[in-house]
Amino acid sequence: MRSSPDKLKLGIALGSGSARGWAHIGILQALEEMGIVPEVVTGCSIGSIVAAAYAAGNLGSLERWVRSLRGRDVASFFDIGWRLNGLIDSQRLRSFLQEYVAAEDLHVPSLPKTYASVATDLLNGREVWFTEGSVLDSIMASIALPGLFVPVRHEGRWLVDGGLVNPVPVSLCHALGADLVIAVNLNGDILGRHLGRVRGGQEEGGGALDSLLDALKSYSSTLLPESVRDRERPPGLFDIIASSINITQDRITRSRMAGDPPDVVLTPRLAHIGLLEFHRAGEAIEEGRHCVERLRPTIEFVLEQG
């Protein structure tokens, strides 16, 4: 259902949500199977990875890579040296994105579809839109979650994850000319779910990631006095990070979409997938497909009215 001069232009805003973001792949595939092909695609954080791959025509390549991930592969992206500005090996990740998402020399204006991502200026908290320049730069800035990634230096500014200001960039879709916007909110059903959650569905080979997460959780408990730990065991480090991010982004998303509402909101049921469980891509992708199927009547009605 590609827009023509006498039809409204359709956009899709792919939200932040860390490992849950692979659901975007299933959503885009299911929409295309319905004949719905967005011309404008924007992304925040993990959404920027999928949005860029889709805009570049590399969604299939990205899907094959993420479906092949195992726990040990995810763990390999961590720099266990405990640098003070980030735990993720950004250069290693960029190399993989270059292979499966966008070439190093690919620039935003040259993409077949209209694409942009959102990041945050660390100095003043302002929203930064990547509508030009390097596609890989636009992704690395948008996914730079504080504490996990080193901030990205771009045009004299330090940039971090766009989810701090605009987790589901509907406004960016509208600014790029979309008349109708489908928003994908990955954080709609997960508040509090990470505290005390038992991870399930681990694929074979997840032991390395389990060990990494356990080590980090143990590290967080050493920050409290022994007497406090004995009295009441605190949540692990990543439990705290995940739940804090969920609360913040849920509140920001509600506020932003109230002021600039999308025409359709897709909310995949992803509470069972944790912050760093990128190796569970198959589950996330399938839930993305199921989410589209559940809302198929609404999607068709809205687009027909438009």
C-alpha atoms as a PDB file:
ATOM      1  CA  MET A   1       0.000   0.000   0.000  1.00  0.00           C
ATOM      2  CA  ARG A   2       2.608   2.533  -1.069  1.00  0.00           C
ATOM      3  CA  SER A   3       1.441   6.106  -1.093  1.00  0.00           C
ATOM      4  CA  SER A   4       0.851   7.909  -4.371  1.00  0.00           C
ATOM      5  CA  PRO A   5       0.342  11.671  -4.926  1.00  0.00           C
ATOM      6  CA  ASP A   6      -3.390  11.332  -4.183  1.00  0.00           C
ATOM      7  CA  LYS A   7      -2.870   9.237  -1.035  1.00  0.00           C
ATOM      8  CA  LEU A   8      -1.695  10.087   2.434  1.00  0.00           C
ATOM      9  CA  LYS A   9       1.906   9.284   3.334  1.00  0.00           C
ATOM     10  CA  LEU A  10       2.307   6.576   5.963  1.00  0.00           C
ATOM     11  CA  GLY A  11       5.012   6.627   8.610  1.00  0.00           C
ATOM     12  CA  ILE A  12       6.029   4.273  11.395  1.00  0.00           C
ATOM     13  CA  ALA A  13       7.807   5.217  14.636  1.00  0.00           C
ATOM     14  CA  LEU A  14       9.852   2.375  16.156  1.00  0.00           C
ATOM     15  CA  GLY A  15      10.358   2.856  19.876  1.00  0.00           C
ATOM     16  CA  SER A  16      13.131   2.105  22.337  1.00  0.00           C
ATOM     17  CA  GLY A  17      13.157  -1.017  24.471  1.00  0.00           C
ATOM     18  CA  SER A  18      16.561  -2.694  24.289  1.00  0.00           C
ATOM     19  CA  ALA A  19      16.319  -6.447  23.498  1.00  0.00           C
ATOM     20  CA  ARG A  20      12.559  -6.200  23.040  1.00  0.00           C
ATOM     21  CA  GLY A  21      13.279  -4.114  19.946  1.00  0.00           C
ATOM     22  CA  TRP A  22      13.674  -7.147  17.717  1.00  0.00           C
ATOM     23  CA  ALA A  23       9.862  -7.238  17.740  1.00  0.00           C
ATOM     24  CA  HIS A  24      10.031  -4.333  15.281  1.00  0.00           C
ATOM     25  CA  ILE A  25      11.293  -6.771  12.659  1.00  0.00           C
ATOM     26  CA  GLY A  26       8.202  -8.954  12.953  1.00  0.00           C
ATOM     27  CA  ILE A  27       5.929  -5.927  12.937  1.00  0.00           C
ATOM     28  CA  LEU A  28       7.381  -4.527   9.710  1.00  0.00           C
ATOM     29  CA  GLN A  29       7.232  -7.932   8.030  1.00  0.00           C
ATOM     30  CA  ALA A  30       3.614  -8.513   9.076  1.00  0.00           C
ATOM     31  CA  LEU A  31       2.576  -5.063   7.858  1.00  0.00           C
ATOM     32  CA  GLU A  32       4.171  -5.644   4.463  1.00  0.00           C
ATOM     33  CA  GLU A  33       2.354  -8.964   4.181  1.00  0.00           C
ATOM     34  CA  MET A  34      -0.846  -6.941   4.628  1.00  0.00           C
ATOM     35  CA  GLY A  35       0.266  -4.661   1.798  1.00  0.00           C
ATOM     36  CA  ILE A  36       1.153  -1.840   4.186  1.00  0.00           C
ATOM     37  CA  VAL A  37       4.514  -0.295   3.307  1.00  0.00           C
ATOM     38  CA  PRO A  38       5.518   2.801   5.306  1.00  0.00           C
ATOM     39  CA  GLU A  39       7.410   5.462   3.377  1.00  0.00           C
ATOM     40  CA  VAL A  40       8.684   7.270   6.477  1.00  0.00           C
ATOM     41  CA  VAL A  41      10.423   5.293   9.216  1.00  0.00           C
ATOM     42  CA  THR A  42      11.873   6.766  12.395  1.00  0.00           C
ATOM     43  CA  GLY A  43      13.572   5.028  15.273  1.00  0.00           C
ATOM     44  CA  CYS A  44      14.796   5.543  18.800  1.00  0.00           C
ATOM     45  CA  SER A  45      17.526   3.456  20.395  1.00  0.00           C
ATOM     46  CA  ILE A  46      17.014  -0.205  19.335  1.00  0.00           C
ATOM     47  CA  GLY A  47      14.276   1.130  17.039  1.00  0.00           C
ATOM     48  CA  SER A  48      16.894   3.106  15.122  1.00  0.00           C
ATOM     49  CA  ILE A  49      18.762  -0.117  14.264  1.00  0.00           C
ATOM     50  CA  VAL A  50      15.674  -1.770  12.800  1.00  0.00           C
ATOM     51  CA  ALA A  51      14.482   1.453  11.154  1.00  0.00           C
ATOM     52  CA  ALA A  52      17.836   1.958   9.424  1.00  0.00           C
ATOM     53  CA  ALA A  53      17.955  -1.658   8.252  1.00  0.00           C
ATOM     54  CA  TYR A  54      14.420  -1.352   6.877  1.00  0.00           C
ATOM     55  CA  ALA A  55      15.119   1.956   5.141  1.00  0.00           C
ATOM     56  CA  ALA A  56      18.305   0.514   3.607  1.00  0.00           C
ATOM     57  CA  GLY A  57      16.615  -2.678   2.419  1.00  0.00           C
ATOM     58  CA  ASN A  58      18.616  -4.826   4.840  1.00  0.00           C
ATOM     59  CA  LEU A  59      15.874  -6.055   7.173  1.00  0.00           C
ATOM     60  CA  GLY A  60      16.364  -9.663   6.075  1.00  0.00           C
ATOM     61  CA  SER A  61      20.089  -9.468   6.734  1.00  0.00           C
ATOM     62  CA  LEU A  62      19.483  -8.038  10.201  1.00  0.00           C
ATOM     63  CA  GLU A  63      16.920 -10.725  10.986  1.00  0.00           C
ATOM     64  CA  ARG A  64      19.287 -13.539  10.045  1.00  0.00           C
ATOM     65  CA  TRP A  65      21.993 -12.101  12.281  1.00  0.00           C
ATOM     66  CA  VAL A  66      19.827 -11.529  15.367  1.00  0.00           C
ATOM     67  CA  ARG A  67      18.177 -14.938  15.063  1.00  0.00           C
ATOM     68  CA  SER A  68      21.657 -16.487  15.133  1.00  0.00           C
ATOM     69  CA  LEU A  69      22.673 -14.719  18.372  1.00  0.00           C
ATOM     70  CA  ARG A  70      23.305 -16.806  21.478  1.00  0.00           C
ATOM     71  CA  GLY A  71      23.955 -15.700  25.036  1.00  0.00           C
ATOM     72  CA  ARG A  72      27.710 -16.023  24.631  1.00  0.00           C
ATOM     73  CA  ASP A  73      27.571 -13.758  21.558  1.00  0.00           C
ATOM     74  CA  VAL A  74      25.789 -11.040  23.530  1.00  0.00           C
ATOM     75  CA  ALA A  75      28.269 -11.364  26.400  1.00  0.00           C
ATOM     76  CA  SER A  76      31.149 -10.851  23.952  1.00  0.00           C
ATOM     77  CA  PHE A  77      30.025  -7.256  23.343  1.00  0.00           C
ATOM     78  CA  PHE A  78      30.774  -6.331  26.949  1.00  0.00           C
ATOM     79  CA  ASP A  79      34.099  -4.847  27.981  1.00  0.00           C
ATOM     80  CA  ILE A  80      34.633  -6.518  31.348  1.00  0.00           C
ATOM     81  CA  GLY A  81      37.464  -4.085  32.106  1.00  0.00           C
ATOM     82  CA  TRP A  82      34.882  -1.883  33.898  1.00  0.00           C
ATOM     83  CA  ARG A  83      35.637   1.353  32.151  1.00  0.00           C
ATOM     84  CA  LEU A  84      34.044   4.333  33.874  1.00  0.00           C
ATOM     85  CA  ASN A  85      32.101   5.571  30.833  1.00  0.00           C
ATOM     86  CA  GLY A  86      30.468   2.413  29.461  1.00  0.00           C
ATOM     87  CA  LEU A  87      30.408  -1.383  29.484  1.00  0.00           C
ATOM     88  CA  ILE A  88      29.673  -2.071  25.812  1.00  0.00           C
ATOM     89  CA  ASP A  89      32.423  -2.447  23.222  1.00  0.00           C
ATOM     90  CA  SER A  90      30.985   0.160  20.846  1.00  0.00           C
ATOM     91  CA  GLN A  91      33.544  -0.404  18.105  1.00  0.00           C
ATOM     92  CA  ARG A  92      32.808  -4.108  17.940  1.00  0.00           C
ATOM     93  CA  LEU A  93      29.080  -3.405  17.781  1.00  0.00           C
ATOM     94  CA  ARG A  94      29.587  -0.818  15.042  1.00  0.00           C
ATOM     95  CA  SER A  95      31.464  -3.398  12.966  1.00  0.00           C
ATOM     96  CA  PHE A  96      28.512  -5.769  13.148  1.00  0.00           C
ATOM     97  CA  LEU A  97      26.053  -3.005  12.281  1.00  0.00           C
ATOM     98  CA  GLN A  98      28.217  -2.133   9.302  1.00  0.00           C
ATOM     99  CA  GLU A  99      27.966  -5.718   8.089  1.00  0.00           C
ATOM    100  CA  TYR A 100      24.252  -6.311   8.674  1.00  0.00           C
ATOM    101  CA  VAL A 101      22.525  -2.900   8.741  1.00  0.00           C
ATOM    102  CA  ALA A 102      24.310  -0.149   6.810  1.00  0.00           C
ATOM    103  CA  ALA A 103      27.684   0.360   5.140  1.00  0.00           C
ATOM    104  CA  GLU A 104      30.126   2.771   6.765  1.00  0.00           C
ATOM    105  CA  ASP A 105      29.820   5.263   3.902  1.00  0.00           C
ATOM    106  CA  LEU A 106      26.005   5.140   3.658  1.00  0.00           C
ATOM    107  CA  HIS A 107      24.348   8.487   4.388  1.00  0.00           C
ATOM    108  CA  VAL A 108      20.781   9.182   5.487  1.00  0.00           C
ATOM    109  CA  PRO A 109      19.664  11.204   2.422  1.00  0.00           C
ATOM    110  CA  SER A 110      20.707   8.377   0.066  1.00  0.00           C
ATOM    111  CA  LEU A 111      18.413   5.777   1.665  1.00  0.00           C
ATOM    112  CA  PRO A 112      15.507   4.478  -0.467  1.00  0.00           C
ATOM    113  CA  LYS A 113      13.058   5.419   2.308  1.00  0.00           C
ATOM    114  CA  THR A 114      12.797   8.539   4.428  1.00  0.00           C
ATOM    115  CA  TYR A 115      14.585   7.728   7.682  1.00  0.00           C
ATOM    116  CA  ALA A 116      15.699   9.528  10.825  1.00  0.00           C
ATOM    117  CA  SER A 117      16.676   8.671  14.390  1.00  0.00           C
ATOM    118  CA  VAL A 118      16.592  10.588  17.662  1.00  0.00           C
ATOM    119  CA  ALA A 119      19.321  11.089  20.268  1.00  0.00           C
ATOM    120  CA  THR A 120      19.769  13.291  23.355  1.00  0.00           C
ATOM    121  CA  ASP A 121      22.272  16.094  23.922  1.00  0.00           C
ATOM    122  CA  LEU A 122      23.938  15.131  27.211  1.00  0.00           C
ATOM    123  CA  LEU A 123      24.772  18.756  28.079  1.00  0.00           C
ATOM    124  CA  ASN A 124      21.337  20.347  27.844  1.00  0.00           C
ATOM    125  CA  GLY A 125      18.893  17.458  27.404  1.00  0.00           C
ATOM    126  CA  ARG A 126      17.713  18.644  24.019  1.00  0.00           C
ATOM    127  CA  GLU A 127      16.374  16.269  21.397  1.00  0.00           C
ATOM    128  CA  VAL A 128      18.665  15.747  18.404  1.00  0.00           C
ATOM    129  CA  TRP A 129      17.255  14.507  15.096  1.00  0.00           C
ATOM    130  CA  PHE A 130      19.524  12.693  12.626  1.00  0.00           C
ATOM    131  CA  THR A 131      18.050  13.542   9.224  1.00  0.00           C
ATOM    132  CA  GLU A 132      21.406  13.682   7.452  1.00  0.00           C
ATOM    133  CA  GLY A 133      24.961  12.446   7.842  1.00  0.00           C
ATOM    134  CA  SER A 134      26.166   8.893   8.434  1.00  0.00           C
ATOM    135  CA  VAL A 135      23.522   6.229   9.040  1.00  0.00           C
ATOM    136  CA  LEU A 136      25.835   4.399  11.441  1.00  0.00           C
ATOM    137  CA  ASP A 137      26.465   7.601  13.384  1.00  0.00           C
ATOM    138  CA  SER A 138      22.709   8.101  13.667  1.00  0.00           C
ATOM    139  CA  ILE A 139      22.349   4.625  15.158  1.00  0.00           C
ATOM    140  CA  MET A 140      25.312   4.766  17.546  1.00  0.00           C
ATOM    141  CA  ALA A 141      24.113   8.060  19.021  1.00  0.00           C
ATOM    142  CA  SER A 142      20.527   6.881  19.383  1.00  0.00           C
ATOM    143  CA  ILE A 143      21.433   3.640  21.202  1.00  0.00           C
ATOM    144  CA  ALA A 144      24.024   5.131  23.590  1.00  0.00           C
ATOM    145  CA  LEU A 145      22.253   4.165  26.817  1.00  0.00           C
ATOM    146  CA  PRO A 146      24.077   5.878  29.716  1.00  0.00           C
ATOM    147  CA  GLY A 147      26.128   3.437  31.750  1.00  0.00           C
ATOM    148  CA  LEU A 148      26.242   0.800  29.033  1.00  0.00           C
ATOM    149  CA  PHE A 149      27.559   2.825  26.089  1.00  0.00           C
ATOM    150  CA  VAL A 150      30.173   5.546  25.817  1.00  0.00           C
ATOM    151  CA  PRO A 151      28.473   8.819  24.774  1.00  0.00           C
ATOM    152  CA  VAL A 152      28.926   9.661  21.090  1.00  0.00           C
ATOM    153  CA  ARG A 153      30.777  12.824  20.094  1.00  0.00           C
ATOM    154  CA  HIS A 154      29.008  14.484  17.164  1.00  0.00           C
ATOM    155  CA  GLU A 155      29.440  18.026  15.864  1.00  0.00           C
ATOM    156  CA  GLY A 156      30.810  19.280  19.158  1.00  0.00           C
ATOM    157  CA  ARG A 157      28.144  17.616  21.314  1.00  0.00           C
ATOM    158  CA  TRP A 158      28.066  14.512  23.484  1.00  0.00           C
ATOM    159  CA  LEU A 159      25.009  12.454  22.539  1.00  0.00           C
ATOM    160  CA  VAL A 160      23.255   9.641  24.386  1.00  0.00           C
ATOM    161  CA  ASP A 161      20.168   7.440  23.995  1.00  0.00           C
ATOM    162  CA  GLY A 162      17.166   9.160  22.436  1.00  0.00           C
ATOM    163  CA  GLY A 163      14.842   7.305  24.808  1.00  0.00           C
ATOM    164  CA  LEU A 164      15.634   9.919  27.453  1.00  0.00           C
ATOM    165  CA  VAL A 165      13.573  12.503  25.543  1.00  0.00           C
ATOM    166  CA  ASN A 166      11.471  10.797  22.847  1.00  0.00           C
ATOM    167  CA  PRO A 167      11.181   6.996  23.243  1.00  0.00           C
ATOM    168  CA  VAL A 168       8.644   6.620  20.400  1.00  0.00           C
ATOM    169  CA  PRO A 169       9.451   9.347  17.833  1.00  0.00           C
ATOM    170  CA  VAL A 170       5.982  10.057  16.435  1.00  0.00           C
ATOM    171  CA  SER A 171       6.751  13.777  16.263  1.00  0.00           C
ATOM    172  CA  LEU A 172       9.758  13.065  14.066  1.00  0.00           C
ATOM    173  CA  CYS A 173       7.588  11.005  11.719  1.00  0.00           C
ATOM    174  CA  HIS A 174       5.163  13.917  11.356  1.00  0.00           C
ATOM    175  CA  ALA A 175       8.020  16.371  10.830  1.00  0.00           C
ATOM    176  CA  LEU A 176       9.303  14.232   7.953  1.00  0.00           C
ATOM    177  CA  GLY A 177       5.968  14.456   6.159  1.00  0.00           C
ATOM    178  CA  ALA A 178       3.978  11.452   7.391  1.00  0.00           C
ATOM    179  CA  ASP A 179       0.228  12.081   7.351  1.00  0.00           C
ATOM    180  CA  LEU A 180      -0.637   8.857   9.188  1.00  0.00           C
ATOM    181  CA  VAL A 181       1.649   7.329  11.816  1.00  0.00           C
ATOM    182  CA  ILE A 182       1.804   3.852  13.339  1.00  0.00           C
ATOM    183  CA  ALA A 183       3.662   3.940  16.666  1.00  0.00           C
ATOM    184  CA  VAL A 184       5.329   0.908  18.251  1.00  0.00           C
ATOM    185  CA  ASN A 185       5.608   1.183  22.032  1.00  0.00           C
ATOM    186  CA  LEU A 186       7.757  -1.618  23.486  1.00  0.00           C
ATOM    187  CA  ASN A 187       7.377  -0.501  27.096  1.00  0.00           C
ATOM    188  CA  GLY A 188       3.619  -0.545  27.552  1.00  0.00           C
ATOM    189  CA  ASP A 189       3.310  -3.711  29.672  1.00  0.00           C
ATOM    190  CA  ILE A 190       6.554  -4.053  31.599  1.00  0.00           C
ATOM    191  CA  LEU A 191       6.561  -1.703  34.588  1.00  0.00           C
ATOM    192  CA  GLY A 192       7.944  -3.542  37.611  1.00  0.00           C
ATOM    193  CA  ARG A 193       8.210  -6.833  35.741  1.00  0.00           C
ATOM    194  CA  HIS A 194      12.012  -7.020  36.056  1.00  0.00           C
ATOM    195  CA  LEU A 195      12.072  -6.882  39.864  1.00  0.00           C
ATOM    196  CA  GLY A 196      12.173 -10.437  41.120  1.00  0.00           C
ATOM    197  CA  ARG A 197      11.655 -11.767  37.595  1.00  0.00           C
ATOM    198  CA  VAL A 198      13.071 -15.190  36.844  1.00  0.00           C
ATOM    199  CA  ARG A 199      14.535 -15.376  33.382  1.00  0.00           C
ATOM    200  CA  GLY A 200      13.054 -18.106  31.249  1.00  0.00           C
ATOM    201  CA  GLY A 201      13.281 -19.461  27.754  1.00  0.00           C
ATOM    202  CA  GLN A 202      17.068 -19.311  27.627  1.00  0.00           C
ATOM    203  CA  GLU A 203      18.481 -20.761  24.471  1.00  0.00           C
ATOM    204  CA  GLU A 204      21.353 -23.208  24.475  1.00  0.00           C
ATOM    205  CA  GLY A 205      24.620 -21.379  25.004  1.00  0.00           C
ATOM    206  CA  GLY A 206      23.111 -18.662  27.247  1.00  0.00           C
ATOM    207  CA  GLY A 207      25.443 -19.535  30.121  1.00  0.00           C
ATOM    208  CA  ALA A 208      27.970 -16.830  29.312  1.00  0.00           C
ATOM    209  CA  LEU A 209      25.311 -14.140  29.451  1.00  0.00           C
ATOM    210  CA  ASP A 210      23.866 -15.618  32.653  1.00  0.00           C
ATOM    211  CA  SER A 211      27.300 -15.490  34.259  1.00  0.00           C
ATOM    212  CA  LEU A 212      27.813 -11.904  33.174  1.00  0.00           C
ATOM    213  CA  LEU A 213      24.435 -10.787  34.536  1.00  0.00           C
ATOM    214  CA  ASP A 214      24.984 -12.647  37.812  1.00  0.00           C
ATOM    215  CA  ALA A 215      28.385 -11.001  38.219  1.00  0.00           C
ATOM    216  CA  LEU A 216      26.949  -7.563  37.619  1.00  0.00           C
ATOM    217  CA  LYS A 217      24.094  -8.181  40.041  1.00  0.00           C
ATOM    218  CA  SER A 218      26.536  -9.359  42.683  1.00  0.00           C
ATOM    219  CA  TYR A 219      28.604  -6.241  42.080  1.00  0.00           C
ATOM    220  CA  SER A 220      25.581  -4.019  42.737  1.00  0.00           C
ATOM    221  CA  SER A 221      24.945  -5.659  46.118  1.00  0.00           C
ATOM    222  CA  THR A 222      28.491  -4.895  47.282  1.00  0.00           C
ATOM    223  CA  LEU A 223      27.677  -1.192  47.137  1.00  0.00           C
ATOM    224  CA  LEU A 224      25.559  -1.609  50.316  1.00  0.00           C
ATOM    225  CA  PRO A 225      26.768  -2.340  53.872  1.00  0.00           C
ATOM    226  CA  GLU A 226      26.679  -5.963  54.999  1.00  0.00           C
ATOM    227  CA  SER A 227      24.029  -5.176  57.630  1.00  0.00           C
ATOM    228  CA  VAL A 228      21.700  -3.794  54.972  1.00  0.00           C
ATOM    229  CA  ARG A 229      22.259  -6.792  52.694  1.00  0.00           C
ATOM    230  CA  ASP A 230      21.484  -9.159  55.542  1.00  0.00           C
ATOM    231  CA  ARG A 231      18.291  -7.340  56.467  1.00  0.00           C
ATOM    232  CA  GLU A 232      16.818  -7.178  52.997  1.00  0.00           C
ATOM    233  CA  ARG A 233      18.421  -8.267  49.746  1.00  0.00           C
ATOM    234  CA  PRO A 234      18.434  -5.354  47.279  1.00  0.00           C
ATOM    235  CA  PRO A 235      17.523  -5.722  43.605  1.00  0.00           C
ATOM    236  CA  GLY A 236      20.427  -6.479  41.279  1.00  0.00           C
ATOM    237  CA  LEU A 237      22.155  -3.774  39.279  1.00  0.00           C
ATOM    238  CA  PHE A 238      20.412  -4.542  35.995  1.00  0.00           C
ATOM    239  CA  ASP A 239      17.062  -5.014  37.746  1.00  0.00           C
ATOM    240  CA  ILE A 240      17.418  -1.456  39.012  1.00  0.00           C
ATOM    241  CA  ILE A 241      18.554  -0.114  35.642  1.00  0.00           C
ATOM    242  CA  ALA A 242      15.823  -1.936  33.721  1.00  0.00           C
ATOM    243  CA  SER A 243      12.983  -0.884  35.991  1.00  0.00           C
ATOM    244  CA  SER A 244      14.198   2.716  36.164  1.00  0.00           C
ATOM    245  CA  ILE A 245      14.423   2.919  32.391  1.00  0.00           C
ATOM    246  CA  ASN A 246      10.980   1.346  32.031  1.00  0.00           C
ATOM    247  CA  ILE A 247       9.361   3.842  34.396  1.00  0.00           C
ATOM    248  CA  THR A 248      11.035   6.849  32.807  1.00  0.00           C
ATOM    249  CA  GLN A 249      10.341   5.878  29.219  1.00  0.00           C
ATOM    250  CA  ASP A 250       6.759   4.838  29.920  1.00  0.00           C
ATOM    251  CA  ARG A 251       5.992   8.227  31.469  1.00  0.00           C
ATOM    252  CA  ILE A 252       7.758  10.150  28.710  1.00  0.00           C
ATOM    253  CA  THR A 253       6.033   8.091  26.004  1.00  0.00           C
ATOM    254  CA  ARG A 254       2.590   8.715  27.496  1.00  0.00           C
ATOM    255  CA  SER A 255       3.270  12.442  27.682  1.00  0.00           C
ATOM    256  CA  ARG A 256       4.727  12.764  24.183  1.00  0.00           C
ATOM    257  CA  MET A 257       1.990  10.733  22.494  1.00  0.00           C
ATOM    258  CA  ALA A 258      -0.723  12.672  24.333  1.00  0.00           C
ATOM    259  CA  GLY A 259       0.613  15.866  22.790  1.00  0.00           C
ATOM    260  CA  ASP A 260       1.312  14.387  19.356  1.00  0.00           C
ATOM    261  CA  PRO A 261      -0.849  11.268  19.047  1.00  0.00           C
ATOM    262  CA  PRO A 262      -0.230   8.555  16.452  1.00  0.00           C
ATOM    263  CA  ASP A 263      -3.077   7.054  14.457  1.00  0.00           C
ATOM    264  CA  VAL A 264      -2.363   3.497  15.610  1.00  0.00           C
ATOM    265  CA  VAL A 265      -0.369   2.270  18.619  1.00  0.00           C
ATOM    266  CA  LEU A 266       1.091  -1.257  18.575  1.00  0.00           C
ATOM    267  CA  THR A 267       2.142  -2.606  21.977  1.00  0.00           C
ATOM    268  CA  PRO A 268       3.767  -6.045  21.760  1.00  0.00           C
ATOM    269  CA  ARG A 269       3.577  -8.197  24.895  1.00  0.00           C
ATOM    270  CA  LEU A 270       7.245  -8.455  25.778  1.00  0.00           C
ATOM    271  CA  ALA A 271       7.478  -8.341  29.566  1.00  0.00           C
ATOM    272  CA  HIS A 272       9.117 -11.781  29.597  1.00  0.00           C
ATOM    273  CA  ILE A 273      12.173 -10.546  27.662  1.00  0.00           C
ATOM    274  CA  GLY A 274      14.827  -8.790  29.726  1.00  0.00           C
ATOM    275  CA  LEU A 275      16.937  -5.727  29.061  1.00  0.00           C
ATOM    276  CA  LEU A 276      19.934  -7.598  27.629  1.00  0.00           C
ATOM    277  CA  GLU A 277      18.365 -10.795  26.310  1.00  0.00           C
ATOM    278  CA  PHE A 278      19.148 -10.004  22.690  1.00  0.00           C
ATOM    279  CA  HIS A 279      19.575 -13.725  21.999  1.00  0.00           C
ATOM    280  CA  ARG A 280      15.789 -14.172  22.327  1.00  0.00           C
ATOM    281  CA  ALA A 281      15.184 -12.497  18.982  1.00  0.00           C
ATOM    282  CA  GLY A 282      12.999 -15.291  17.651  1.00  0.00           C
ATOM    283  CA  GLU A 283      10.468 -14.816  20.457  1.00  0.00           C
ATOM    284  CA  ALA A 284      10.416 -11.051  20.046  1.00  0.00           C
ATOM    285  CA  ILE A 285       9.998 -11.206  16.270  1.00  0.00           C
ATOM    286  CA  GLU A 286       7.095 -13.642  16.537  1.00  0.00           C
ATOM    287  CA  GLU A 287       5.361 -11.480  19.148  1.00  0.00           C
ATOM    288  CA  GLY A 288       5.757  -8.527  16.793  1.00  0.00           C
ATOM    289  CA  ARG A 289       3.873 -10.494  14.160  1.00  0.00           C
ATOM    290  CA  HIS A 290       1.182 -11.535  16.645  1.00  0.00           C
ATOM    291  CA  CYS A 291       0.761  -7.929  17.751  1.00  0.00           C
ATOM    292  CA  VAL A 292      -0.025  -6.827  14.193  1.00  0.00           C
ATOM    293  CA  GLU A 293      -2.483  -9.680  13.780  1.00  0.00           C
ATOM    294  CA  ARG A 294      -4.301  -8.749  16.999  1.00  0.00           C
ATOM    295  CA  LEU A 295      -4.733  -5.162  15.818  1.00  0.00           C
ATOM    296  CA  ARG A 296      -5.285  -5.945  12.163  1.00  0.00           C
ATOM    297  CA  PRO A 297      -8.920  -4.725  12.124  1.00  0.00           C
ATOM    298  CA  THR A 298      -7.912  -1.424  13.751  1.00  0.00           C
ATOM    299  CA  ILE A 299      -4.990  -0.910  11.378  1.00  0.00           C
ATOM    300  CA  GLU A 300      -7.120  -1.588   8.310  1.00  0.00           C
ATOM    301  CA  PHE A 301      -9.941   0.650   9.547  1.00  0.00           C
ATOM    302  CA  VAL A 302      -7.631   3.610  10.284  1.00  0.00           C
ATOM    303  CA  LEU A 303      -5.833   3.356   6.949  1.00  0.00           C
ATOM    304  CA  GLU A 304      -9.089   3.031   5.038  1.00  0.00           C
ATOM    305  CA  GLN A 305     -10.435   6.133   6.762  1.00  0.00           C
ATOM    306  CA  GLY A 306      -7.238   7.979   5.995  1.00  0.00           C
END
